[in-house]
């Protein structure tokens, strides 16, 4: 897992399984994202398996970001994790955010303050 932080964006890139054993590390990494970050992007192309504890974490992170007027963006969902989201009818809820490319493009166009 890697974490890349910018002023309005934090990207957590994950690999392996997102289960009861690994979720605490992902949650700890997400807690390092400062309040006020507009977007928390979870890049999940390396995640081959996700169980209910992973789903629960995604829902908690979405709630946290929504509470802080931010958004959670998922990308790279493999078949099994996407299947868990579809089975639990949370796929649309967790994947409806605009694409990360559009977010990054918009942030590059926004002048930064010094």
Protein backbone atom coordinates (compact mmCIF):
# COMPACT_ATOMS: atom_id res chain seq x y z
CA UNK A 1 0.00 0.00 0.00
CA UNK A 2 1.23 3.48 -0.84
CA UNK A 3 -0.19 6.88 0.12
CA UNK A 4 0.32 10.00 -1.97
CA UNK A 5 -0.96 13.24 -0.47
CA UNK A 6 -1.53 16.57 -2.14
CA UNK A 7 -3.40 19.55 -0.67
CA UNK A 8 -6.86 18.53 -1.94
CA UNK A 9 -6.27 14.92 -2.91
CA UNK A 10 -5.00 11.78 -1.22
CA UNK A 11 -4.41 8.61 -3.23
CA UNK A 12 -4.09 5.26 -1.51
CA UNK A 13 -2.92 2.51 -3.85
CA UNK A 14 -3.68 -0.95 -2.54
CA UNK A 15 -2.72 -4.47 -3.55
CA UNK A 16 -3.57 -7.96 -2.33
CA UNK A 17 -6.65 -8.72 -0.30
CA UNK A 18 -8.91 -6.29 1.52
CA UNK A 19 -10.12 -8.39 4.42
CA UNK A 20 -10.29 -8.57 8.21
CA UNK A 21 -6.49 -8.84 8.43
CA UNK A 22 -5.58 -5.97 6.07
CA UNK A 23 -8.43 -3.48 6.64
CA UNK A 24 -6.87 -1.97 9.80
CA UNK A 25 -3.77 -0.91 7.82
CA UNK A 26 -5.90 0.68 5.10
CA UNK A 27 -8.00 2.45 7.72
CA UNK A 28 -4.86 3.72 9.46
CA UNK A 29 -3.53 5.07 6.16
CA UNK A 30 -6.87 6.77 5.47
CA UNK A 31 -6.81 8.41 8.89
CA UNK A 32 -3.52 10.07 7.92
CA UNK A 33 -5.40 11.95 5.23
CA UNK A 34 -5.89 15.42 6.70
CA UNK A 35 -9.41 16.68 7.29
CA UNK A 36 -10.30 19.02 4.48
CA UNK A 37 -8.83 16.90 1.70
CA UNK A 38 -11.46 17.19 -0.99
CA UNK A 39 -10.91 13.75 -2.50
CA UNK A 40 -9.81 10.41 -1.13
CA UNK A 41 -8.98 8.17 -4.10
CA UNK A 42 -8.59 4.44 -3.49
CA UNK A 43 -6.76 2.86 -6.42
CA UNK A 44 -7.82 -0.79 -6.16
CA UNK A 45 -6.54 -2.41 -9.36
CA UNK A 46 -4.21 -4.56 -7.25
CA UNK A 47 -6.98 -5.77 -4.92
CA UNK A 48 -8.07 -9.24 -5.99
CA UNK A 49 -10.35 -10.04 -3.03
CA UNK A 50 -12.55 -8.02 -0.68
CA UNK A 51 -14.79 -9.33 2.08
CA UNK A 52 -17.45 -7.65 4.21
CA UNK A 53 -14.85 -5.91 6.39
CA UNK A 54 -13.47 -4.23 3.26
CA UNK A 55 -16.97 -3.20 2.23
CA UNK A 56 -17.64 -1.83 5.71
CA UNK A 57 -14.43 0.24 5.51
CA UNK A 58 -15.42 1.67 2.12
CA UNK A 59 -18.79 2.72 3.53
CA UNK A 60 -17.16 4.31 6.60
CA UNK A 61 -14.68 6.20 4.41
CA UNK A 62 -17.48 7.39 2.14
CA UNK A 63 -19.42 8.65 5.18
CA UNK A 64 -16.31 10.40 6.55
CA UNK A 65 -15.58 12.14 3.26
CA UNK A 66 -19.22 13.12 2.80
CA UNK A 67 -19.30 14.58 6.34
CA UNK A 68 -16.18 16.62 5.52
CA UNK A 69 -17.69 17.86 2.21
CA UNK A 70 -15.31 15.66 0.26
CA UNK A 71 -15.68 12.58 -1.90
CA UNK A 72 -14.44 9.04 -2.05
CA UNK A 73 -13.36 7.80 -5.47
CA UNK A 74 -12.69 4.14 -6.25
CA UNK A 75 -10.83 3.07 -9.35
CA UNK A 76 -9.50 -0.13 -10.85
CA UNK A 77 -12.05 -2.46 -9.29
CA UNK A 78 -11.36 -6.07 -10.20
CA UNK A 79 -14.17 -8.56 -10.75
CA UNK A 80 -14.47 -9.96 -7.21
CA UNK A 81 -14.51 -6.64 -5.29
CA UNK A 82 -16.92 -5.17 -7.87
CA UNK A 83 -19.09 -8.27 -7.43
CA UNK A 84 -19.27 -7.70 -3.67
CA UNK A 85 -20.45 -4.13 -4.31
CA UNK A 86 -23.07 -5.29 -6.81
CA UNK A 87 -24.29 -8.11 -4.55
CA UNK A 88 -24.77 -5.69 -1.67
CA UNK A 89 -26.28 -3.04 -3.95
CA UNK A 90 -23.58 -0.53 -3.02
CA UNK A 91 -21.84 -0.42 -6.41
CA UNK A 92 -23.62 2.73 -7.61
CA UNK A 93 -23.27 4.38 -4.21
CA UNK A 94 -19.52 3.84 -4.12
CA UNK A 95 -18.62 4.30 -7.78
CA UNK A 96 -20.81 7.18 -8.93
CA UNK A 97 -18.13 9.84 -8.29
CA UNK A 98 -16.58 11.44 -11.32
CA UNK A 99 -13.51 9.77 -12.74
CA UNK A 100 -10.15 10.44 -11.13
CA UNK A 101 -8.89 11.79 -14.46
CA UNK A 102 -11.54 14.51 -14.39
CA UNK A 103 -10.72 15.32 -10.78
CA UNK A 104 -6.99 15.60 -11.44
CA UNK A 105 -7.59 17.67 -14.55
CA UNK A 106 -9.80 20.11 -12.62
CA UNK A 107 -7.24 20.39 -9.83
CA UNK A 108 -4.43 21.15 -12.28
CA UNK A 109 -6.54 23.97 -13.74
CA UNK A 110 -7.23 25.48 -10.33
CA UNK A 111 -4.53 27.99 -9.37
CA UNK A 112 -2.79 27.07 -6.14
CA UNK A 113 -2.41 29.58 -3.36
CA UNK A 114 0.96 30.49 -1.98
